[in-house]
Amino acid sequence: MNRKRTALAAVVALSLVAIAFAAYAQQRTVTRVGIVAKPKSYKGPCPATLEFVATIHVSHHPVRVEYEWERSDGGRGRRETIEIRSAGQGVTDTWTLGRGGERRIVWERLHVLAPTGISSPEARVRLDCRG
């Protein structure tokens, strides 16, 4: 009978630890991701260098966040990890592109991979390359 009680106590203890860990992890979530492109419209000589700034907002801190960038041409940045120690933190990416006479709209967005899967909207730039 003691073995059964010990086994039951161990199962209960492990269950409580799992519930506490899940609650802790759930508190440390990314709530939203904002993004801007600088500039929003480019007209001039190319190649042009565009900057994208995303702000990752979290419900509690500190929290470790894993993310990657995605581009309209299908490219993806490498996975990166940061420690967010306040309500939000910015991350940046630059993209140098374009050649004379090229006109198009390009975009980037940020994908947060952990602890919460969430993505920013696309930050679009109108590119108008001269000469």
Protein backbone atom coordinates (compact mmCIF):
# COMPACT_ATOMS: atom_id res chain seq x y z
CA MET A 1 0.00 0.00 0.00
CA ASN A 2 2.90 2.40 0.71
CA ARG A 3 4.19 2.00 -2.84
CA LYS A 4 0.81 2.96 -4.26
CA ARG A 5 0.64 6.06 -2.07
CA THR A 6 4.22 7.02 -2.96
CA ALA A 7 3.52 6.55 -6.67
CA LEU A 8 0.30 8.57 -6.40
CA ALA A 9 2.09 11.35 -4.52
CA ALA A 10 4.82 11.43 -7.19
CA VAL A 11 2.23 11.68 -9.99
CA VAL A 12 0.41 14.47 -8.18
CA ALA A 13 3.67 16.36 -7.54
CA LEU A 14 4.76 16.04 -11.17
CA SER A 15 1.35 17.19 -12.34
CA LEU A 16 1.52 20.26 -10.12
CA VAL A 17 5.00 21.10 -11.42
CA ALA A 18 3.81 20.73 -15.03
CA ILE A 19 0.79 22.98 -14.37
CA ALA A 20 2.98 25.61 -12.67
CA PHE A 21 5.50 25.54 -15.53
CA ALA A 22 2.72 25.87 -18.15
CA ALA A 23 1.25 28.84 -16.25
CA TYR A 24 4.69 30.47 -16.01
CA ALA A 25 5.38 29.94 -19.73
CA GLN A 26 1.95 31.26 -20.65
CA GLN A 27 2.59 34.48 -18.69
CA ARG A 28 5.78 35.10 -20.66
CA THR A 29 4.11 35.60 -24.02
CA VAL A 30 4.58 37.94 -26.93
CA THR A 31 1.39 39.98 -27.19
CA ARG A 32 2.00 41.81 -30.46
CA VAL A 33 4.62 42.84 -33.00
CA GLY A 34 4.61 46.28 -34.66
CA ILE A 35 6.76 47.16 -37.66
CA VAL A 36 7.76 50.19 -39.74
CA ALA A 37 9.84 50.66 -42.86
CA LYS A 38 12.31 53.52 -43.23
CA PRO A 39 11.71 55.09 -45.67
CA LYS A 40 8.15 54.12 -46.64
CA SER A 41 8.84 55.28 -50.17
CA TYR A 42 12.22 55.55 -51.91
CA LYS A 43 12.93 57.48 -55.11
CA GLY A 44 16.54 57.89 -56.18
CA PRO A 45 19.71 56.07 -57.23
CA CYS A 46 19.96 52.35 -56.58
CA PRO A 47 20.87 50.11 -54.98
CA ALA A 48 18.88 51.57 -52.08
CA THR A 49 19.25 50.57 -48.44
CA LEU A 50 15.97 50.13 -46.60
CA GLU A 51 15.62 49.70 -42.85
CA PHE A 52 12.86 47.72 -41.14
CA VAL A 53 12.24 48.18 -37.42
CA ALA A 54 9.97 45.81 -35.52
CA THR A 55 8.96 46.16 -31.88
CA ILE A 56 8.23 42.98 -29.97
CA HIS A 57 5.79 43.55 -27.08
CA VAL A 58 5.59 41.06 -24.18
CA SER A 59 3.14 40.55 -21.33
CA HIS A 60 5.86 39.88 -18.73
CA HIS A 61 9.62 40.21 -18.68
CA PRO A 62 12.32 39.14 -18.82
CA VAL A 63 11.65 36.66 -21.60
CA ARG A 64 13.80 35.04 -24.26
CA VAL A 65 12.34 35.50 -27.76
CA GLU A 66 13.33 33.69 -30.95
CA TYR A 67 12.51 35.37 -34.28
CA GLU A 68 13.33 35.59 -38.00
CA TRP A 69 12.71 38.10 -40.81
CA GLU A 70 10.86 37.33 -44.05
CA ARG A 71 11.17 39.33 -47.30
CA SER A 72 8.83 39.73 -50.24
CA ASP A 73 11.41 38.07 -52.52
CA GLY A 74 11.09 34.85 -50.50
CA GLY A 75 14.28 35.38 -48.52
CA ARG A 76 14.44 34.64 -44.82
CA GLY A 77 16.90 35.88 -42.25
CA ARG A 78 18.67 33.61 -39.81
CA ARG A 79 16.94 32.70 -36.58
CA GLU A 80 17.94 35.06 -33.81
CA THR A 81 17.33 35.14 -30.07
CA ILE A 82 17.06 38.15 -27.76
CA GLU A 83 16.31 38.64 -24.10
CA ILE A 84 13.52 41.19 -23.65
CA ARG A 85 13.83 42.96 -20.28
CA SER A 86 11.03 45.53 -20.63
CA ALA A 87 7.49 45.74 -22.06
CA GLY A 88 8.85 45.92 -25.61
CA GLN A 89 12.07 45.87 -27.57
CA GLY A 90 13.01 46.81 -31.09
CA VAL A 91 14.92 44.72 -33.61
CA THR A 92 16.10 45.89 -37.03
CA ASP A 93 16.95 44.53 -40.44
CA THR A 94 18.39 46.29 -43.48
CA TRP A 95 17.92 45.33 -47.12
CA THR A 96 19.98 46.76 -49.98
CA LEU A 97 18.35 46.23 -53.37
CA GLY A 98 17.28 47.66 -56.71
CA ARG A 99 18.88 48.74 -59.97
CA GLY A 100 18.37 51.62 -62.36
CA GLY A 101 14.86 51.89 -63.79
CA GLU A 102 13.37 49.35 -61.40
CA ARG A 103 10.00 50.12 -59.82
CA ARG A 104 8.26 47.82 -57.39
CA ILE A 105 6.79 47.41 -53.94
CA VAL A 106 8.79 45.32 -51.47
CA TRP A 107 8.09 44.32 -47.88
CA GLU A 108 9.45 42.62 -44.80
CA ARG A 109 7.73 41.14 -41.77
CA LEU A 110 8.96 39.65 -38.52
CA HIS A 111 7.99 36.17 -37.36
CA VAL A 112 8.27 35.47 -33.63
CA LEU A 113 8.86 31.74 -33.31
CA ALA A 114 8.99 31.35 -29.49
CA PRO A 115 7.64 31.59 -26.88
CA THR A 116 4.54 32.63 -28.84
CA GLY A 117 4.08 32.13 -32.58
CA ILE A 118 3.03 35.54 -33.88
CA SER A 119 3.92 37.67 -36.92
CA SER A 120 3.96 41.35 -37.69
CA PRO A 121 2.04 42.75 -40.63
CA GLU A 122 4.05 43.52 -43.78
CA ALA A 123 5.95 46.81 -43.77
CA ARG A 124 5.84 47.91 -47.43
CA VAL A 125 8.18 50.22 -49.32
CA ARG A 126 7.55 51.71 -52.76
CA LEU A 127 10.90 51.51 -54.59
CA ASP A 128 11.52 53.79 -57.59
CA CYS A 129 15.10 53.48 -58.82
CA ARG A 130 16.48 56.25 -61.02
CA GLY A 131 19.33 55.98 -63.49
